[in-house]
Amino acid sequence: MTTKYTETHRKIKDSLQSLTPQDFKSFGLGHIAYIRPYHFNGKDFFTVFAANGNKLYTSDAIEDAVQLSRQDNLEPVTVH
């Protein structure tokens, strides 16, 4: 590891450790959309959640869930 990488890593680690519970709760809010698949009544669905856990929308196709997220300027990530 280089010294620059080590210093950057330490700064990031310190910043994350200093997050309050409220800071952590809103981490990624307005930037990240979490897509979670689920199975209901024999069908597959994909629910999109904000970083704070609020449900945004549900779709029967992951492609639609990703597109809806991006239309709201959110970076979609999947949760399994």
N, C-alpha and C. Protein backbone atom coordinates (compact mmCIF):
# COMPACT_ATOMS: atom_id res chain seq x y z
N MET A 1 0.84 -1.19 0.00
CA MET A 1 0.00 0.00 0.00
C MET A 1 0.87 1.24 0.00
N THR A 2 0.39 2.23 -0.68
CA THR A 2 1.11 3.48 -0.69
C THR A 2 0.68 4.32 0.51
N THR A 3 1.51 5.28 0.85
CA THR A 3 1.20 6.18 1.97
C THR A 3 -0.07 6.97 1.68
N LYS A 4 -0.23 7.41 0.44
CA LYS A 4 -1.42 8.19 0.07
C LYS A 4 -2.68 7.34 0.27
N TYR A 5 -2.66 6.08 -0.17
CA TYR A 5 -3.81 5.19 0.00
C TYR A 5 -4.09 4.98 1.48
N THR A 6 -3.07 4.75 2.26
CA THR A 6 -3.23 4.51 3.69
C THR A 6 -3.86 5.72 4.38
N GLU A 7 -3.41 6.91 4.06
CA GLU A 7 -3.97 8.13 4.66
C GLU A 7 -5.43 8.33 4.24
N THR A 8 -5.72 8.11 2.97
CA THR A 8 -7.10 8.24 2.49
C THR A 8 -7.99 7.22 3.17
N HIS A 9 -7.52 6.01 3.29
CA HIS A 9 -8.28 4.94 3.95
C HIS A 9 -8.56 5.31 5.40
N ARG A 10 -7.58 5.85 6.09
CA ARG A 10 -7.75 6.25 7.49
C ARG A 10 -8.80 7.35 7.62
N LYS A 11 -8.77 8.33 6.71
CA LYS A 11 -9.73 9.43 6.75
C LYS A 11 -11.16 8.92 6.53
N ILE A 12 -11.32 8.03 5.56
CA ILE A 12 -12.64 7.45 5.30
C ILE A 12 -13.12 6.67 6.51
N LYS A 13 -12.25 5.85 7.07
CA LYS A 13 -12.61 5.05 8.24
C LYS A 13 -13.02 5.96 9.41
N ASP A 14 -12.25 7.00 9.65
CA ASP A 14 -12.58 7.94 10.73
C ASP A 14 -13.92 8.62 10.49
N SER A 15 -14.18 9.00 9.25
CA SER A 15 -15.45 9.66 8.92
C SER A 15 -16.63 8.73 9.15
N LEU A 16 -16.49 7.50 8.72
CA LEU A 16 -17.58 6.54 8.90
C LEU A 16 -17.81 6.21 10.37
N GLN A 17 -16.76 6.11 11.14
CA GLN A 17 -16.90 5.81 12.56
C GLN A 17 -17.53 6.95 13.34
N SER A 18 -17.45 8.16 12.81
CA SER A 18 -18.01 9.31 13.52
C SER A 18 -19.47 9.59 13.14
N LEU A 19 -20.05 8.75 12.26
CA LEU A 19 -21.45 8.94 11.89
C LEU A 19 -22.36 8.71 13.09
N THR A 20 -23.30 9.60 13.28
CA THR A 20 -24.31 9.40 14.31
C THR A 20 -25.36 8.43 13.76
N PRO A 21 -26.20 7.86 14.63
CA PRO A 21 -27.27 7.00 14.11
C PRO A 21 -28.15 7.72 13.08
N GLN A 22 -28.42 8.99 13.30
CA GLN A 22 -29.22 9.75 12.34
C GLN A 22 -28.48 9.93 11.01
N ASP A 23 -27.17 10.20 11.09
CA ASP A 23 -26.36 10.32 9.86
C ASP A 23 -26.39 9.01 9.08
N PHE A 24 -26.21 7.91 9.80
CA PHE A 24 -26.18 6.60 9.16
C PHE A 24 -27.53 6.29 8.51
N LYS A 25 -28.61 6.66 9.20
CA LYS A 25 -29.96 6.41 8.69
C LYS A 25 -30.19 7.10 7.35
N SER A 26 -29.60 8.27 7.17
CA SER A 26 -29.82 9.01 5.94
C SER A 26 -28.66 8.86 4.95
N PHE A 27 -27.70 8.00 5.25
CA PHE A 27 -26.55 7.77 4.37
C PHE A 27 -27.04 7.29 3.01
N GLY A 28 -26.73 8.01 1.97
CA GLY A 28 -27.13 7.64 0.62
C GLY A 28 -28.49 8.16 0.22
N LEU A 29 -29.19 8.82 1.12
CA LEU A 29 -30.52 9.34 0.82
C LEU A 29 -30.43 10.35 -0.32
N GLY A 30 -31.26 10.17 -1.32
CA GLY A 30 -31.23 11.04 -2.48
C GLY A 30 -30.19 10.65 -3.51
N HIS A 31 -29.44 9.55 -3.23
CA HIS A 31 -28.39 9.12 -4.15
C HIS A 31 -28.50 7.65 -4.52
N ILE A 32 -28.99 6.82 -3.59
CA ILE A 32 -28.99 5.38 -3.79
C ILE A 32 -30.42 4.85 -3.69
N ALA A 33 -30.75 3.90 -4.56
CA ALA A 33 -32.02 3.17 -4.50
C ALA A 33 -31.68 1.70 -4.32
N TYR A 34 -32.27 1.08 -3.32
CA TYR A 34 -32.04 -0.34 -3.06
C TYR A 34 -33.18 -1.14 -3.68
N ILE A 35 -32.85 -2.09 -4.52
CA ILE A 35 -33.84 -2.93 -5.17
C ILE A 35 -33.80 -4.31 -4.54
N ARG A 36 -34.95 -4.72 -4.03
CA ARG A 36 -35.04 -6.01 -3.34
C ARG A 36 -36.08 -6.89 -4.02
N PRO A 37 -35.67 -8.08 -4.46
CA PRO A 37 -36.64 -8.99 -5.08
C PRO A 37 -37.48 -9.70 -4.00
N TYR A 38 -38.70 -10.02 -4.34
CA TYR A 38 -39.51 -10.86 -3.46
C TYR A 38 -40.52 -11.63 -4.28
N HIS A 39 -41.01 -12.70 -3.71
CA HIS A 39 -41.93 -13.63 -4.37
C HIS A 39 -43.26 -13.57 -3.62
N PHE A 40 -44.37 -13.35 -4.34
CA PHE A 40 -45.68 -13.24 -3.70
C PHE A 40 -46.73 -13.86 -4.61
N ASN A 41 -47.51 -14.77 -4.06
CA ASN A 41 -48.58 -15.44 -4.81
C ASN A 41 -48.11 -16.01 -6.15
N GLY A 42 -46.94 -16.63 -6.13
CA GLY A 42 -46.42 -17.26 -7.32
C GLY A 42 -45.79 -16.33 -8.34
N LYS A 43 -45.66 -15.06 -8.01
CA LYS A 43 -45.07 -14.10 -8.94
C LYS A 43 -43.85 -13.44 -8.33
N ASP A 44 -42.92 -13.03 -9.19
CA ASP A 44 -41.73 -12.31 -8.75
C ASP A 44 -41.94 -10.81 -8.91
N PHE A 45 -41.52 -10.06 -7.90
CA PHE A 45 -41.62 -8.60 -7.90
C PHE A 45 -40.29 -8.01 -7.45
N PHE A 46 -40.13 -6.73 -7.71
CA PHE A 46 -38.94 -6.00 -7.30
C PHE A 46 -39.39 -4.69 -6.67
N THR A 47 -39.05 -4.50 -5.40
CA THR A 47 -39.42 -3.28 -4.71
C THR A 47 -38.20 -2.39 -4.59
N VAL A 48 -38.40 -1.10 -4.85
CA VAL A 48 -37.33 -0.12 -4.77
C VAL A 48 -37.53 0.69 -3.49
N PHE A 49 -36.46 0.78 -2.71
CA PHE A 49 -36.47 1.49 -1.45
C PHE A 49 -35.46 2.63 -1.47
N ALA A 50 -35.80 3.72 -0.78
CA ALA A 50 -34.84 4.81 -0.57
C ALA A 50 -33.82 4.33 0.46
N ALA A 51 -32.75 5.07 0.60
CA ALA A 51 -31.69 4.69 1.54
C ALA A 51 -32.19 4.62 2.98
N ASN A 52 -33.23 5.37 3.31
CA ASN A 52 -33.76 5.34 4.68
C ASN A 52 -34.79 4.24 4.90
N GLY A 53 -35.02 3.41 3.87
CA GLY A 53 -35.94 2.29 4.00
C GLY A 53 -37.35 2.56 3.51
N ASN A 54 -37.65 3.78 3.13
CA ASN A 54 -38.98 4.08 2.61
C ASN A 54 -39.19 3.41 1.26
N LYS A 55 -40.35 2.77 1.10
CA LYS A 55 -40.69 2.11 -0.15
C LYS A 55 -41.04 3.16 -1.19
N LEU A 56 -40.39 3.08 -2.36
CA LEU A 56 -40.63 4.04 -3.42
C LEU A 56 -41.60 3.50 -4.46
N TYR A 57 -41.34 2.30 -4.98
CA TYR A 57 -42.23 1.70 -5.96
C TYR A 57 -41.93 0.21 -6.09
N THR A 58 -42.86 -0.49 -6.74
CA THR A 58 -42.74 -1.92 -6.98
C THR A 58 -42.98 -2.19 -8.46
N SER A 59 -42.23 -3.14 -8.98
CA SER A 59 -42.35 -3.50 -10.38
C SER A 59 -42.27 -5.02 -10.52
N ASP A 60 -42.80 -5.55 -11.61
CA ASP A 60 -42.67 -6.98 -11.84
C ASP A 60 -41.45 -7.32 -12.70
N ALA A 61 -40.69 -6.30 -13.10
CA ALA A 61 -39.48 -6.51 -13.90
C ALA A 61 -38.34 -5.68 -13.31
N ILE A 62 -37.19 -6.31 -13.12
CA ILE A 62 -36.05 -5.60 -12.54
C ILE A 62 -35.60 -4.46 -13.46
N GLU A 63 -35.73 -4.65 -14.76
CA GLU A 63 -35.33 -3.60 -15.69
C GLU A 63 -36.13 -2.32 -15.45
N ASP A 64 -37.43 -2.49 -15.18
CA ASP A 64 -38.28 -1.33 -14.89
C ASP A 64 -37.90 -0.68 -13.57
N ALA A 65 -37.58 -1.49 -12.57
CA ALA A 65 -37.17 -0.95 -11.27
C ALA A 65 -35.89 -0.14 -11.41
N VAL A 66 -34.96 -0.64 -12.19
CA VAL A 66 -33.70 0.08 -12.44
C VAL A 66 -33.97 1.39 -13.18
N GLN A 67 -34.81 1.31 -14.22
CA GLN A 67 -35.11 2.51 -15.01
C GLN A 67 -35.83 3.57 -14.16
N LEU A 68 -36.79 3.16 -13.33
CA LEU A 68 -37.48 4.11 -12.47
C LEU A 68 -36.52 4.78 -11.50
N SER A 69 -35.59 4.00 -10.97
CA SER A 69 -34.59 4.55 -10.05
C SER A 69 -33.75 5.61 -10.74
N ARG A 70 -33.29 5.28 -11.92
CA ARG A 70 -32.43 6.22 -12.66
C ARG A 70 -33.19 7.47 -13.10
N GLN A 71 -34.48 7.33 -13.38
CA GLN A 71 -35.28 8.51 -13.73
C GLN A 71 -35.37 9.48 -12.55
N ASP A 72 -35.26 8.94 -11.33
CA ASP A 72 -35.26 9.78 -10.13
C ASP A 72 -33.84 10.17 -9.71
N ASN A 73 -32.88 9.98 -10.62
CA ASN A 73 -31.47 10.30 -10.36
C ASN A 73 -30.90 9.55 -9.16
N LEU A 74 -31.33 8.30 -9.01
CA LEU A 74 -30.82 7.44 -7.94
C LEU A 74 -30.00 6.33 -8.57
N GLU A 75 -28.94 5.94 -7.90
CA GLU A 75 -28.10 4.84 -8.38
C GLU A 75 -28.67 3.54 -7.81
N PRO A 76 -29.18 2.66 -8.67
CA PRO A 76 -29.77 1.43 -8.17
C PRO A 76 -28.73 0.38 -7.77
N VAL A 77 -28.97 -0.26 -6.65
CA VAL A 77 -28.17 -1.40 -6.21
C VAL A 77 -29.13 -2.48 -5.75
N THR A 78 -28.76 -3.73 -5.96
CA THR A 78 -29.64 -4.82 -5.56
C THR A 78 -29.28 -5.32 -4.17
N VAL A 79 -30.31 -5.76 -3.47
CA VAL A 79 -30.16 -6.32 -2.13
C VAL A 79 -30.74 -7.72 -2.17
N HIS A 80 -29.97 -8.69 -1.69
CA HIS A 80 -30.44 -10.07 -1.71
C HIS A 80 -30.65 -10.57 -0.31
